[in-house]
Each structure stands twice: as structure tokens, then as C-alpha cells.
Amino acid sequence: MTILAVTGLQRERRILAGGGVEVVLGGDDIDARAAGKHGVISIGIAGALATGLKPGDWVVADAVRDGDDILPVDGDWTARLLARLPGAKQGTLLGVDTVAATAAEKGALRRISGAIAVDMESHRAARVARRHGLPFTAARVISDAAHRTLPPAARVGMRADGGVDLPAVLRSLLLSPWQLPALMRTGLEAETAFRSLLRGLRLLGHGLAAPPGANL
């Protein structure tokens, strides 16, 4: 049994690789990689939309919102995620195509969607799973709280291939050195999220807690 894990960053990809899981980045051809898999999960870091969520908190989707569409998750798989991730919050995840970088943007998305967290892969993964008739679920770790605004250097530093564009970060800092404290805080909170992701993967185990049965 091989599960397709959809994530956004190269670092997430390295953390997730192995244990019955094939990892694909959201910008890659997810459709082609889904063929022959036994399930699809969106997993990695996310931004909080609900107040009270802090870096390192796990959120498990009860549905994924893509614009006006509500995309369902597999109930059994989701229940297994919740059972193995103590303290995880459950709620709707919102999928978007651009980074929700400011506190104002996050607040607007929360009011419009009712979602508790936002990422850039869950909606794509959910649609691919539906096209292939595969079970789907989503679990994410909060990297930035709802009241946080990402500094410009953090925004320009994310490459399309999921890597870090260090020269772009340095150029942004040279132009606006005032953002250094916020950038350092963003990095520390991201480290908290990555450590929580790694701990959670150990709890989920082989195949990321995908349930056995006829559907898998």
C-alpha cells in the first residue's frame, strides 16, 4: 500500500519521505503521481485563520474548502489521524493559490470561509483524489498564527519549486533591514512547526495512519 502525500516545501518533502508514502509537491503533476496509489493526504505546514491556534498545533480537516466548493474527507482515515495526534484541532481547511501573508488577509479569509487554517495544496490534493476515486484526508501543522503578518523577505524567499530563494531574502533585507526581527521570529515559529510535523509523523506511523480495508 502506497499513500500519496501532497505538500508544499522541499523541507516538508524530506521529512515526509518513506514509510509507505510517496511525496509530491503541490506544484508538480499530482494527477500523474496519483495513479496506482491507495489514498491521498495533504500534509505539511499551514497558516492559522482561527485565533487560538499557535505554531506547532496540528489541525485535521473535516472538509476542505475551495472557493464555494466543499470537498469531503474520508471519515475513517480522519478519525485515525485524530486518535493518533493528541490535541489536534478539527475544522475546515481552506485551499488557496497565493500565500495568505498578512493578518488582515487571514481575517478576511476566516470571515468568508469559516475555515480554521489555510494552505496552498489541500484543495488540489482533494480534487485529484476525487478524480481518481481515492480516499482523501488532510492534516496540517500551524506555522504562523492568525495575527501574524509575514515579513516581505519571507514572502519573496519561497520559490515555486518549494525551495528557499536565499538571494531574494538577502536582497529584501538589504532594502528593508527593519524587518529582520520579524523574519527571525517567523523562522523560529517555522522551526516549531517542522519539529511538530516530525513528531506527528512518528505517531502516525507507516502509511500515515491510512486505514486498511476495501477502499485501500
N, C-alpha and C. Protein backbone atom coordinates (compact mmCIF):
# COMPACT_ATOMS: atom_id res chain seq x y z
N MET A 1 0.84 -1.19 0.00
CA MET A 1 0.00 0.00 0.00
C MET A 1 0.88 1.24 0.00
N THR A 2 0.66 2.14 -0.95
CA THR A 2 1.42 3.39 -1.02
C THR A 2 0.46 4.57 -1.00
N ILE A 3 0.73 5.50 -0.12
CA ILE A 3 -0.07 6.70 0.01
C ILE A 3 0.65 7.86 -0.68
N LEU A 4 -0.10 8.71 -1.36
CA LEU A 4 0.47 9.91 -1.96
C LEU A 4 0.28 11.07 -1.00
N ALA A 5 1.38 11.66 -0.55
CA ALA A 5 1.34 12.81 0.35
C ALA A 5 1.65 14.06 -0.46
N VAL A 6 0.75 15.04 -0.38
CA VAL A 6 0.91 16.29 -1.13
C VAL A 6 1.31 17.39 -0.15
N THR A 7 2.42 18.05 -0.44
CA THR A 7 2.92 19.09 0.44
C THR A 7 3.45 20.24 -0.40
N GLY A 8 4.03 21.26 0.26
CA GLY A 8 4.40 22.45 -0.50
C GLY A 8 5.87 22.80 -0.53
N LEU A 9 6.65 22.33 0.44
CA LEU A 9 8.03 22.75 0.57
C LEU A 9 8.99 21.56 0.45
N GLN A 10 10.19 21.84 -0.04
CA GLN A 10 11.20 20.80 -0.15
C GLN A 10 11.54 20.23 1.22
N ARG A 11 11.57 21.06 2.23
CA ARG A 11 11.89 20.56 3.57
C ARG A 11 10.80 19.62 4.06
N GLU A 12 9.54 19.94 3.81
CA GLU A 12 8.45 19.03 4.17
C GLU A 12 8.61 17.71 3.42
N ARG A 13 8.99 17.80 2.18
CA ARG A 13 9.16 16.59 1.37
C ARG A 13 10.20 15.67 1.98
N ARG A 14 11.31 16.24 2.45
CA ARG A 14 12.36 15.41 3.06
C ARG A 14 11.88 14.77 4.36
N ILE A 15 11.12 15.51 5.14
CA ILE A 15 10.61 14.98 6.40
C ILE A 15 9.63 13.84 6.17
N LEU A 16 8.79 13.97 5.14
CA LEU A 16 7.71 13.03 4.90
C LEU A 16 8.13 11.76 4.17
N ALA A 17 9.26 11.78 3.49
CA ALA A 17 9.62 10.66 2.61
C ALA A 17 9.81 9.37 3.39
N GLY A 18 9.31 8.25 2.81
CA GLY A 18 9.49 6.92 3.38
C GLY A 18 8.25 6.42 4.09
N GLY A 19 8.32 5.20 4.58
CA GLY A 19 7.23 4.64 5.36
C GLY A 19 5.92 4.44 4.62
N GLY A 20 6.00 3.92 3.40
CA GLY A 20 4.79 3.67 2.62
C GLY A 20 4.19 4.93 2.02
N VAL A 21 4.98 5.99 1.94
CA VAL A 21 4.48 7.28 1.44
C VAL A 21 5.33 7.75 0.27
N GLU A 22 4.67 8.17 -0.80
CA GLU A 22 5.34 8.88 -1.89
C GLU A 22 4.93 10.34 -1.79
N VAL A 23 5.90 11.23 -1.81
CA VAL A 23 5.64 12.65 -1.59
C VAL A 23 5.72 13.40 -2.90
N VAL A 24 4.77 14.30 -3.10
CA VAL A 24 4.75 15.15 -4.28
C VAL A 24 4.49 16.58 -3.84
N LEU A 25 5.14 17.53 -4.49
CA LEU A 25 4.90 18.94 -4.19
C LEU A 25 3.66 19.42 -4.94
N GLY A 26 2.97 20.38 -4.34
CA GLY A 26 1.71 20.84 -4.90
C GLY A 26 1.82 21.42 -6.30
N GLY A 27 3.00 21.93 -6.65
CA GLY A 27 3.19 22.49 -7.98
C GLY A 27 3.52 21.45 -9.03
N ASP A 28 3.73 20.20 -8.62
CA ASP A 28 4.04 19.13 -9.58
C ASP A 28 2.75 18.54 -10.17
N ASP A 29 2.91 17.55 -11.03
CA ASP A 29 1.76 16.89 -11.65
C ASP A 29 1.20 15.85 -10.68
N ILE A 30 0.31 16.29 -9.81
CA ILE A 30 -0.25 15.39 -8.80
C ILE A 30 -1.07 14.30 -9.46
N ASP A 31 -1.79 14.64 -10.51
CA ASP A 31 -2.64 13.66 -11.20
C ASP A 31 -1.83 12.46 -11.66
N ALA A 32 -0.69 12.71 -12.28
CA ALA A 32 0.12 11.62 -12.80
C ALA A 32 0.65 10.73 -11.67
N ARG A 33 0.96 11.34 -10.54
CA ARG A 33 1.53 10.58 -9.43
C ARG A 33 0.45 9.83 -8.64
N ALA A 34 -0.81 10.22 -8.78
CA ALA A 34 -1.89 9.58 -8.03
C ALA A 34 -2.25 8.21 -8.58
N ALA A 35 -1.95 7.98 -9.84
CA ALA A 35 -2.31 6.70 -10.45
C ALA A 35 -1.66 5.54 -9.70
N GLY A 36 -2.47 4.56 -9.32
CA GLY A 36 -1.97 3.38 -8.64
C GLY A 36 -1.78 3.52 -7.14
N LYS A 37 -2.06 4.71 -6.60
CA LYS A 37 -1.93 4.91 -5.16
C LYS A 37 -3.20 4.43 -4.45
N HIS A 38 -3.11 4.31 -3.13
CA HIS A 38 -4.23 3.80 -2.34
C HIS A 38 -4.93 4.88 -1.53
N GLY A 39 -4.42 6.09 -1.59
CA GLY A 39 -5.05 7.20 -0.89
C GLY A 39 -4.20 8.44 -1.06
N VAL A 40 -4.80 9.60 -0.80
CA VAL A 40 -4.12 10.89 -0.94
C VAL A 40 -4.30 11.67 0.35
N ILE A 41 -3.20 12.23 0.86
CA ILE A 41 -3.26 13.08 2.05
C ILE A 41 -2.54 14.38 1.77
N SER A 42 -3.14 15.48 2.18
CA SER A 42 -2.46 16.77 2.18
C SER A 42 -1.88 16.97 3.56
N ILE A 43 -0.56 17.17 3.63
CA ILE A 43 0.10 17.23 4.93
C ILE A 43 1.31 18.15 4.84
N GLY A 44 1.54 18.90 5.91
CA GLY A 44 2.64 19.85 5.94
C GLY A 44 2.29 21.00 6.87
N ILE A 45 2.81 22.19 6.58
CA ILE A 45 2.51 23.34 7.43
C ILE A 45 1.39 24.17 6.82
N ALA A 46 0.82 25.03 7.65
CA ALA A 46 -0.31 25.86 7.24
C ALA A 46 -0.32 27.14 8.06
N GLY A 47 -1.07 28.12 7.59
CA GLY A 47 -1.29 29.34 8.35
C GLY A 47 -2.59 29.26 9.10
N ALA A 48 -2.60 29.77 10.32
CA ALA A 48 -3.84 29.78 11.11
C ALA A 48 -4.78 30.88 10.63
N LEU A 49 -6.05 30.57 10.61
CA LEU A 49 -7.09 31.58 10.40
C LEU A 49 -7.87 31.81 11.68
N ALA A 50 -8.05 30.76 12.47
CA ALA A 50 -8.76 30.87 13.74
C ALA A 50 -7.81 31.36 14.83
N THR A 51 -8.28 32.30 15.62
CA THR A 51 -7.46 32.74 16.75
C THR A 51 -7.37 31.60 17.76
N GLY A 52 -6.29 31.56 18.49
CA GLY A 52 -6.09 30.50 19.47
C GLY A 52 -5.19 29.40 18.97
N LEU A 53 -5.06 29.24 17.64
CA LEU A 53 -4.11 28.28 17.09
C LEU A 53 -2.71 28.88 17.10
N LYS A 54 -1.74 28.10 17.53
CA LYS A 54 -0.37 28.61 17.65
C LYS A 54 0.59 27.70 16.88
N PRO A 55 1.79 28.20 16.58
CA PRO A 55 2.76 27.38 15.87
C PRO A 55 3.01 26.05 16.57
N GLY A 56 2.98 24.98 15.79
CA GLY A 56 3.15 23.63 16.31
C GLY A 56 1.86 22.87 16.53
N ASP A 57 0.73 23.56 16.52
CA ASP A 57 -0.57 22.89 16.68
C ASP A 57 -0.92 22.11 15.41
N TRP A 58 -1.42 20.90 15.59
CA TRP A 58 -1.93 20.11 14.46
C TRP A 58 -3.41 20.45 14.23
N VAL A 59 -3.79 20.54 12.96
CA VAL A 59 -5.19 20.67 12.59
C VAL A 59 -5.52 19.55 11.60
N VAL A 60 -6.66 18.92 11.80
CA VAL A 60 -7.12 17.83 10.94
C VAL A 60 -8.43 18.27 10.29
N ALA A 61 -8.52 18.12 8.99
CA ALA A 61 -9.66 18.65 8.25
C ALA A 61 -10.91 17.79 8.42
N ASP A 62 -12.05 18.44 8.64
CA ASP A 62 -13.33 17.75 8.49
C ASP A 62 -13.89 17.97 7.10
N ALA A 63 -13.26 18.90 6.35
CA ALA A 63 -13.58 19.17 4.94
C ALA A 63 -12.54 20.17 4.45
N VAL A 64 -12.42 20.28 3.13
CA VAL A 64 -11.54 21.27 2.53
C VAL A 64 -12.39 22.19 1.67
N ARG A 65 -12.19 23.49 1.86
CA ARG A 65 -12.95 24.46 1.08
C ARG A 65 -12.08 24.99 -0.06
N ASP A 66 -12.65 24.99 -1.25
CA ASP A 66 -12.00 25.52 -2.44
C ASP A 66 -12.98 26.49 -3.08
N GLY A 67 -12.83 27.78 -2.78
CA GLY A 67 -13.81 28.75 -3.25
C GLY A 67 -15.15 28.47 -2.61
N ASP A 68 -16.16 28.27 -3.44
CA ASP A 68 -17.50 27.95 -2.93
C ASP A 68 -17.73 26.46 -2.75
N ASP A 69 -16.78 25.64 -3.16
CA ASP A 69 -16.94 24.19 -3.09
C ASP A 69 -16.41 23.65 -1.76
N ILE A 70 -17.14 22.68 -1.21
CA ILE A 70 -16.72 21.97 -0.01
C ILE A 70 -16.34 20.55 -0.42
N LEU A 71 -15.08 20.19 -0.24
CA LEU A 71 -14.58 18.88 -0.66
C LEU A 71 -14.47 17.98 0.57
N PRO A 72 -15.08 16.80 0.55
CA PRO A 72 -15.13 15.94 1.74
C PRO A 72 -13.82 15.20 1.99
N VAL A 73 -13.69 14.71 3.21
CA VAL A 73 -12.56 13.86 3.59
C VAL A 73 -13.08 12.48 3.94
N ASP A 74 -12.19 11.49 3.93
CA ASP A 74 -12.56 10.13 4.31
C ASP A 74 -12.71 10.05 5.83
N GLY A 75 -13.88 9.64 6.28
CA GLY A 75 -14.18 9.65 7.71
C GLY A 75 -13.31 8.73 8.54
N ASP A 76 -13.08 7.51 8.06
CA ASP A 76 -12.27 6.55 8.82
C ASP A 76 -10.82 7.04 8.96
N TRP A 77 -10.26 7.49 7.86
CA TRP A 77 -8.87 7.96 7.89
C TRP A 77 -8.73 9.17 8.81
N THR A 78 -9.67 10.09 8.71
CA THR A 78 -9.65 11.29 9.55
C THR A 78 -9.74 10.92 11.03
N ALA A 79 -10.60 9.96 11.35
CA ALA A 79 -10.74 9.52 12.74
C ALA A 79 -9.43 8.93 13.26
N ARG A 80 -8.72 8.19 12.41
CA ARG A 80 -7.45 7.61 12.82
C ARG A 80 -6.39 8.69 13.05
N LEU A 81 -6.40 9.72 12.22
CA LEU A 81 -5.48 10.83 12.44
C LEU A 81 -5.74 11.50 13.78
N LEU A 82 -6.99 11.76 14.08
CA LEU A 82 -7.33 12.42 15.34
C LEU A 82 -6.96 11.56 16.53
N ALA A 83 -7.11 10.24 16.40
CA ALA A 83 -6.79 9.34 17.51
C ALA A 83 -5.28 9.30 17.77
N ARG A 84 -4.47 9.50 16.73
CA ARG A 84 -3.02 9.38 16.89
C ARG A 84 -2.32 10.72 17.10
N LEU A 85 -3.06 11.81 16.97
CA LEU A 85 -2.47 13.14 17.16
C LEU A 85 -3.16 13.82 18.34
N PRO A 86 -2.74 13.53 19.55
CA PRO A 86 -3.38 14.10 20.73
C PRO A 86 -3.38 15.64 20.69
N GLY A 87 -4.53 16.22 20.96
CA GLY A 87 -4.63 17.67 20.98
C GLY A 87 -4.89 18.31 19.64
N ALA A 88 -4.96 17.52 18.57
CA ALA A 88 -5.22 18.10 17.25
C ALA A 88 -6.61 18.74 17.22
N LYS A 89 -6.69 19.88 16.54
CA LYS A 89 -7.97 20.57 16.36
C LYS A 89 -8.58 20.14 15.04
N GLN A 90 -9.90 20.00 15.00
CA GLN A 90 -10.57 19.63 13.76
C GLN A 90 -11.41 20.78 13.25
N GLY A 91 -11.39 20.97 11.95
CA GLY A 91 -12.18 22.02 11.33
C GLY A 91 -11.92 22.05 9.84
N THR A 92 -12.54 22.99 9.16
CA THR A 92 -12.38 23.11 7.71
C THR A 92 -11.04 23.76 7.38
N LEU A 93 -10.35 23.20 6.38
CA LEU A 93 -9.15 23.81 5.83
C LEU A 93 -9.52 24.53 4.54
N LEU A 94 -8.89 25.66 4.33
CA LEU A 94 -9.12 26.44 3.12
C LEU A 94 -7.92 26.30 2.20
N GLY A 95 -8.17 25.95 0.93
CA GLY A 95 -7.11 25.89 -0.06
C GLY A 95 -7.11 27.15 -0.90
N VAL A 96 -5.95 27.76 -1.07
CA VAL A 96 -5.82 28.98 -1.87
C VAL A 96 -4.63 28.82 -2.81
N ASP A 97 -4.54 29.70 -3.80
CA ASP A 97 -3.47 29.62 -4.78
C ASP A 97 -2.34 30.62 -4.55
N THR A 98 -2.53 31.55 -3.60
CA THR A 98 -1.49 32.51 -3.26
C THR A 98 -1.35 32.55 -1.74
N VAL A 99 -0.19 32.96 -1.28
CA VAL A 99 0.10 32.98 0.16
C VAL A 99 -0.79 34.00 0.87
N ALA A 100 -1.41 33.57 1.97
CA ALA A 100 -2.15 34.48 2.84
C ALA A 100 -1.13 35.07 3.81
N ALA A 101 -0.58 36.25 3.46
CA ALA A 101 0.63 36.73 4.13
C ALA A 101 0.36 37.67 5.29
N THR A 102 -0.75 38.35 5.30
CA THR A 102 -0.98 39.37 6.32
C THR A 102 -2.10 38.98 7.26
N ALA A 103 -2.08 39.57 8.44
CA ALA A 103 -3.15 39.32 9.41
C ALA A 103 -4.49 39.75 8.85
N ALA A 104 -4.51 40.85 8.10
CA ALA A 104 -5.76 41.31 7.51
C ALA A 104 -6.31 40.31 6.49
N GLU A 105 -5.43 39.76 5.67
CA GLU A 105 -5.87 38.76 4.69
C GLU A 105 -6.42 37.52 5.39
N LYS A 106 -5.74 37.08 6.43
CA LYS A 106 -6.20 35.91 7.16
C LYS A 106 -7.56 36.17 7.81
N GLY A 107 -7.73 37.36 8.38
CA GLY A 107 -9.00 37.68 8.99
C GLY A 107 -10.14 37.68 7.98
N ALA A 108 -9.87 38.21 6.79
CA ALA A 108 -10.90 38.22 5.75
C ALA A 108 -11.24 36.81 5.30
N LEU A 109 -10.23 35.97 5.13
CA LEU A 109 -10.47 34.59 4.72
C LEU A 109 -11.26 33.83 5.78
N ARG A 110 -10.97 34.09 7.03
CA ARG A 110 -11.71 33.44 8.13
C ARG A 110 -13.18 33.83 8.08
N ARG A 111 -13.45 35.11 7.88
CA ARG A 111 -14.84 35.57 7.85
C ARG A 111 -15.59 35.01 6.64
N ILE A 112 -14.92 34.93 5.51
CA ILE A 112 -15.58 34.48 4.28
C ILE A 112 -15.80 32.98 4.27
N SER A 113 -14.80 32.22 4.76
CA SER A 113 -14.83 30.77 4.58
C SER A 113 -15.24 30.00 5.83
N GLY A 114 -15.01 30.57 7.01
CA GLY A 114 -15.23 29.83 8.24
C GLY A 114 -14.17 28.79 8.53
N ALA A 115 -13.12 28.73 7.69
CA ALA A 115 -12.05 27.75 7.87
C ALA A 115 -11.16 28.13 9.05
N ILE A 116 -10.48 27.12 9.63
CA ILE A 116 -9.61 27.38 10.77
C ILE A 116 -8.15 27.54 10.35
N ALA A 117 -7.78 27.09 9.15
CA ALA A 117 -6.41 27.19 8.67
C ALA A 117 -6.39 27.21 7.15
N VAL A 118 -5.28 27.67 6.60
CA VAL A 118 -5.18 27.84 5.15
C VAL A 118 -3.85 27.29 4.66
N ASP A 119 -3.88 26.67 3.48
CA ASP A 119 -2.65 26.22 2.82
C ASP A 119 -2.86 26.26 1.31
N MET A 120 -1.83 25.91 0.57
CA MET A 120 -1.88 26.03 -0.89
C MET A 120 -1.92 24.71 -1.62
N GLU A 121 -2.15 23.61 -0.89
CA GLU A 121 -2.14 22.29 -1.52
C GLU A 121 -3.39 21.46 -1.29
N SER A 122 -4.10 21.67 -0.19
CA SER A 122 -5.18 20.76 0.19
C SER A 122 -6.29 20.70 -0.86
N HIS A 123 -6.64 21.85 -1.44
CA HIS A 123 -7.72 21.84 -2.43
C HIS A 123 -7.31 21.09 -3.69
N ARG A 124 -6.04 21.22 -4.08
CA ARG A 124 -5.56 20.50 -5.26
C ARG A 124 -5.53 18.99 -5.00
N ALA A 125 -5.03 18.63 -3.81
CA ALA A 125 -4.97 17.21 -3.46
C ALA A 125 -6.36 16.60 -3.40
N ALA A 126 -7.32 17.32 -2.82
CA ALA A 126 -8.69 16.81 -2.70
C ALA A 126 -9.32 16.57 -4.06
N ARG A 127 -9.09 17.47 -4.99
CA ARG A 127 -9.68 17.32 -6.32
C ARG A 127 -9.04 16.16 -7.08
N VAL A 128 -7.74 15.98 -6.93
CA VAL A 128 -7.08 14.85 -7.57
C VAL A 128 -7.61 13.53 -7.01
N ALA A 129 -7.74 13.46 -5.68
CA ALA A 129 -8.27 12.24 -5.07
C ALA A 129 -9.67 11.93 -5.59
N ARG A 130 -10.49 12.95 -5.74
CA ARG A 130 -11.85 12.73 -6.23
C ARG A 130 -11.83 12.23 -7.67
N ARG A 131 -10.96 12.80 -8.51
CA ARG A 131 -10.90 12.35 -9.90
C ARG A 131 -10.46 10.90 -10.00
N HIS A 132 -9.61 10.45 -9.09
CA HIS A 132 -9.10 9.08 -9.14
C HIS A 132 -9.89 8.12 -8.26
N GLY A 133 -10.94 8.62 -7.59
CA GLY A 133 -11.74 7.76 -6.73
C GLY A 133 -10.99 7.23 -5.53
N LEU A 134 -10.08 8.05 -4.97
CA LEU A 134 -9.23 7.62 -3.86
C LEU A 134 -9.67 8.27 -2.54
N PRO A 135 -9.48 7.56 -1.42
CA PRO A 135 -9.72 8.20 -0.12
C PRO A 135 -8.80 9.40 0.06
N PHE A 136 -9.31 10.43 0.72
CA PHE A 136 -8.55 11.66 0.91
C PHE A 136 -8.73 12.17 2.33
N THR A 137 -7.65 12.72 2.87
CA THR A 137 -7.73 13.43 4.14
C THR A 137 -6.67 14.51 4.15
N ALA A 138 -6.69 15.36 5.18
CA ALA A 138 -5.71 16.44 5.28
C ALA A 138 -5.39 16.71 6.74
N ALA A 139 -4.09 16.87 7.01
CA ALA A 139 -3.63 17.21 8.36
C ALA A 139 -2.46 18.17 8.22
N ARG A 140 -2.52 19.25 8.95
CA ARG A 140 -1.52 20.30 8.80
C ARG A 140 -1.05 20.80 10.16
N VAL A 141 0.17 21.35 10.19
CA VAL A 141 0.74 21.93 11.40
C VAL A 141 0.81 23.45 11.22
N ILE A 142 0.34 24.18 12.21
CA ILE A 142 0.35 25.63 12.14
C ILE A 142 1.78 26.16 12.22
N SER A 143 2.12 27.04 11.27
CA SER A 143 3.42 27.68 11.25
C SER A 143 3.33 29.15 11.66
N ASP A 144 2.27 29.83 11.27
CA ASP A 144 2.10 31.24 11.63
C ASP A 144 0.68 31.46 12.13
N ALA A 145 0.57 32.16 13.26
CA ALA A 145 -0.72 32.41 13.89
C ALA A 145 -1.54 33.40 13.08
N ALA A 146 -2.82 33.47 13.39
CA ALA A 146 -3.73 34.32 12.62
C ALA A 146 -3.35 35.80 12.71
N HIS A 147 -2.77 36.23 13.82
CA HIS A 147 -2.44 37.64 13.99
C HIS A 147 -1.07 38.01 13.43
N ARG A 148 -0.34 37.04 12.91
CA ARG A 148 0.98 37.29 12.37
C ARG A 148 0.91 37.75 10.91
N THR A 149 1.75 38.73 10.56
CA THR A 149 1.96 39.14 9.18
C THR A 149 3.37 38.72 8.78
N LEU A 150 3.49 37.96 7.71
CA LEU A 150 4.81 37.51 7.26
C LEU A 150 5.59 38.70 6.70
N PRO A 151 6.84 38.88 7.11
CA PRO A 151 7.65 39.97 6.56
C PRO A 151 7.92 39.76 5.08
N PRO A 152 8.18 40.85 4.34
CA PRO A 152 8.40 40.71 2.89
C PRO A 152 9.48 39.71 2.53
N ALA A 153 10.55 39.62 3.30
CA ALA A 153 11.64 38.69 2.97
C ALA A 153 11.17 37.25 3.00
N ALA A 154 10.25 36.92 3.91
CA ALA A 154 9.72 35.56 3.99
C ALA A 154 8.86 35.25 2.77
N ARG A 155 8.16 36.24 2.26
CA ARG A 155 7.28 36.02 1.11
C ARG A 155 8.08 35.81 -0.17
N VAL A 156 9.10 36.64 -0.39
CA VAL A 156 9.87 36.52 -1.63
C VAL A 156 10.82 35.34 -1.57
N GLY A 157 11.05 34.80 -0.37
CA GLY A 157 12.01 33.70 -0.22
C GLY A 157 11.47 32.34 -0.58
N MET A 158 10.19 32.23 -0.90
CA MET A 158 9.60 30.93 -1.25
C MET A 158 9.60 30.74 -2.75
N ARG A 159 10.40 29.80 -3.24
CA ARG A 159 10.47 29.53 -4.67
C ARG A 159 9.30 28.65 -5.11
N ALA A 160 9.03 28.68 -6.40
CA ALA A 160 7.92 27.89 -6.95
C ALA A 160 8.14 26.39 -6.78
N ASP A 161 9.42 25.97 -6.69
CA ASP A 161 9.72 24.54 -6.54
C ASP A 161 9.74 24.09 -5.09
N GLY A 162 9.33 24.97 -4.17
CA GLY A 162 9.28 24.61 -2.76
C GLY A 162 10.56 24.84 -1.99
N GLY A 163 11.58 25.35 -2.68
CA GLY A 163 12.83 25.64 -2.01
C GLY A 163 12.88 27.07 -1.49
N VAL A 164 14.02 27.44 -0.89
CA VAL A 164 14.21 28.78 -0.34
C VAL A 164 15.13 29.57 -1.27
N ASP A 165 14.70 30.76 -1.66
CA ASP A 165 15.48 31.64 -2.51
C ASP A 165 16.28 32.58 -1.62
N LEU A 166 17.45 32.11 -1.17
CA LEU A 166 18.25 32.88 -0.22
C LEU A 166 18.69 34.23 -0.78
N PRO A 167 19.13 34.32 -2.05
CA PRO A 167 19.50 35.65 -2.58
C PRO A 167 18.34 36.65 -2.52
N ALA A 168 17.12 36.18 -2.78
CA ALA A 168 15.97 37.08 -2.72
C ALA A 168 15.72 37.54 -1.28
N VAL A 169 15.92 36.65 -0.33
CA VAL A 169 15.77 37.02 1.08
C VAL A 169 16.78 38.10 1.46
N LEU A 170 18.04 37.90 1.06
CA LEU A 170 19.09 38.86 1.40
C LEU A 170 18.85 40.20 0.73
N ARG A 171 18.40 40.20 -0.52
CA ARG A 171 18.10 41.46 -1.20
C ARG A 171 17.00 42.21 -0.47
N SER A 172 15.96 41.48 -0.05
CA SER A 172 14.86 42.11 0.67
C SER A 172 15.34 42.71 1.99
N LEU A 173 16.23 42.00 2.68
CA LEU A 173 16.76 42.52 3.94
C LEU A 173 17.63 43.76 3.73
N LEU A 174 18.39 43.77 2.65
CA LEU A 174 19.22 44.94 2.37
C LEU A 174 18.36 46.17 2.09
N LEU A 175 17.26 45.96 1.41
CA LEU A 175 16.37 47.07 1.10
C LEU A 175 15.57 47.52 2.32
N SER A 176 15.21 46.55 3.19
CA SER A 176 14.37 46.86 4.36
C SER A 176 14.91 46.14 5.59
N PRO A 177 16.02 46.61 6.15
CA PRO A 177 16.62 45.91 7.29
C PRO A 177 15.73 45.90 8.54
N TRP A 178 14.74 46.78 8.59
CA TRP A 178 13.83 46.84 9.74
C TRP A 178 13.05 45.54 9.95
N GLN A 179 12.95 44.72 8.90
CA GLN A 179 12.14 43.50 9.01
C GLN A 179 12.89 42.31 9.62
N LEU A 180 14.18 42.51 9.95
CA LEU A 180 14.97 41.39 10.47
C LEU A 180 14.37 40.75 11.72
N PRO A 181 13.94 41.51 12.73
CA PRO A 181 13.34 40.84 13.90
C PRO A 181 12.12 39.99 13.55
N ALA A 182 11.26 40.50 12.67
CA ALA A 182 10.08 39.74 12.27
C ALA A 182 10.47 38.50 11.48
N LEU A 183 11.51 38.60 10.66
CA LEU A 183 11.96 37.45 9.89
C LEU A 183 12.53 36.37 10.81
N MET A 184 13.28 36.79 11.82
CA MET A 184 13.82 35.83 12.78
C MET A 184 12.70 35.13 13.55
N ARG A 185 11.69 35.90 13.94
CA ARG A 185 10.54 35.32 14.64
C ARG A 185 9.82 34.33 13.73
N THR A 186 9.64 34.67 12.47
CA THR A 186 8.99 33.78 11.51
C THR A 186 9.77 32.48 11.38
N GLY A 187 11.10 32.59 11.33
CA GLY A 187 11.93 31.40 11.22
C GLY A 187 11.83 30.51 12.45
N LEU A 188 11.81 31.11 13.62
CA LEU A 188 11.70 30.34 14.86
C LEU A 188 10.35 29.63 14.94
N GLU A 189 9.28 30.31 14.54
CA GLU A 189 7.96 29.70 14.58
C GLU A 189 7.84 28.59 13.54
N ALA A 190 8.49 28.78 12.40
CA ALA A 190 8.51 27.71 11.39
C ALA A 190 9.26 26.49 11.92
N GLU A 191 10.35 26.70 12.64
CA GLU A 191 11.08 25.58 13.22
C GLU A 191 10.20 24.81 14.20
N THR A 192 9.41 25.53 14.99
CA THR A 192 8.46 24.88 15.90
C THR A 192 7.51 23.99 15.13
N ALA A 193 7.02 24.50 13.99
CA ALA A 193 6.09 23.73 13.18
C ALA A 193 6.75 22.49 12.58
N PHE A 194 7.96 22.63 12.08
CA PHE A 194 8.64 21.49 11.47
C PHE A 194 8.94 20.41 12.52
N ARG A 195 9.32 20.81 13.72
CA ARG A 195 9.56 19.83 14.77
C ARG A 195 8.28 19.09 15.13
N SER A 196 7.16 19.83 15.18
CA SER A 196 5.88 19.21 15.48
C SER A 196 5.47 18.26 14.35
N LEU A 197 5.75 18.64 13.12
CA LEU A 197 5.45 17.77 11.98
C LEU A 197 6.20 16.45 12.11
N LEU A 198 7.48 16.53 12.46
CA LEU A 198 8.29 15.33 12.60
C LEU A 198 7.77 14.44 13.73
N ARG A 199 7.42 15.04 14.87
CA ARG A 199 6.89 14.26 15.98
C ARG A 199 5.57 13.60 15.60
N GLY A 200 4.73 14.33 14.89
CA GLY A 200 3.44 13.78 14.48
C GLY A 200 3.58 12.62 13.52
N LEU A 201 4.53 12.71 12.61
CA LEU A 201 4.75 11.61 11.66
C LEU A 201 5.12 10.33 12.38
N ARG A 202 5.91 10.45 13.45
CA ARG A 202 6.27 9.27 14.22
C ARG A 202 5.05 8.65 14.89
N LEU A 203 4.11 9.49 15.31
CA LEU A 203 2.89 8.98 15.92
C LEU A 203 1.97 8.34 14.88
N LEU A 204 1.95 8.88 13.68
CA LEU A 204 1.06 8.36 12.65
C LEU A 204 1.55 7.02 12.11
N GLY A 205 2.87 6.86 12.00
CA GLY A 205 3.42 5.59 11.58
C GLY A 205 3.32 5.33 10.09
N HIS A 206 3.55 4.06 9.73
CA HIS A 206 3.59 3.64 8.33
C HIS A 206 2.28 3.96 7.61
N GLY A 207 2.40 4.59 6.44
CA GLY A 207 1.22 4.92 5.67
C GLY A 207 0.39 6.05 6.22
N LEU A 208 0.95 6.79 7.18
CA LEU A 208 0.27 7.97 7.76
C LEU A 208 -1.14 7.64 8.24
N ALA A 209 -1.25 6.51 8.94
CA ALA A 209 -2.49 6.10 9.61
C ALA A 209 -3.63 5.76 8.66
N ALA A 210 -3.32 5.54 7.40
CA ALA A 210 -4.38 5.16 6.46
C ALA A 210 -5.01 3.84 6.89
N PRO A 211 -6.35 3.76 6.94
CA PRO A 211 -7.00 2.53 7.43
C PRO A 211 -6.95 1.41 6.40
N PRO A 212 -6.78 0.18 6.83
CA PRO A 212 -6.89 -0.94 5.90
C PRO A 212 -8.34 -1.15 5.53
N GLY A 213 -8.59 -1.91 4.50
CA GLY A 213 -9.97 -2.20 4.12
C GLY A 213 -10.17 -2.16 2.63
N ALA A 214 -11.40 -2.37 2.23
CA ALA A 214 -11.74 -2.49 0.80
C ALA A 214 -11.38 -1.24 0.02
N ASN A 215 -11.52 -0.05 0.64
CA ASN A 215 -11.25 1.18 -0.09
C ASN A 215 -9.77 1.43 -0.27
N LEU A 216 -8.93 0.71 0.45
CA LEU A 216 -7.49 0.90 0.30
C LEU A 216 -6.84 -0.37 -0.24
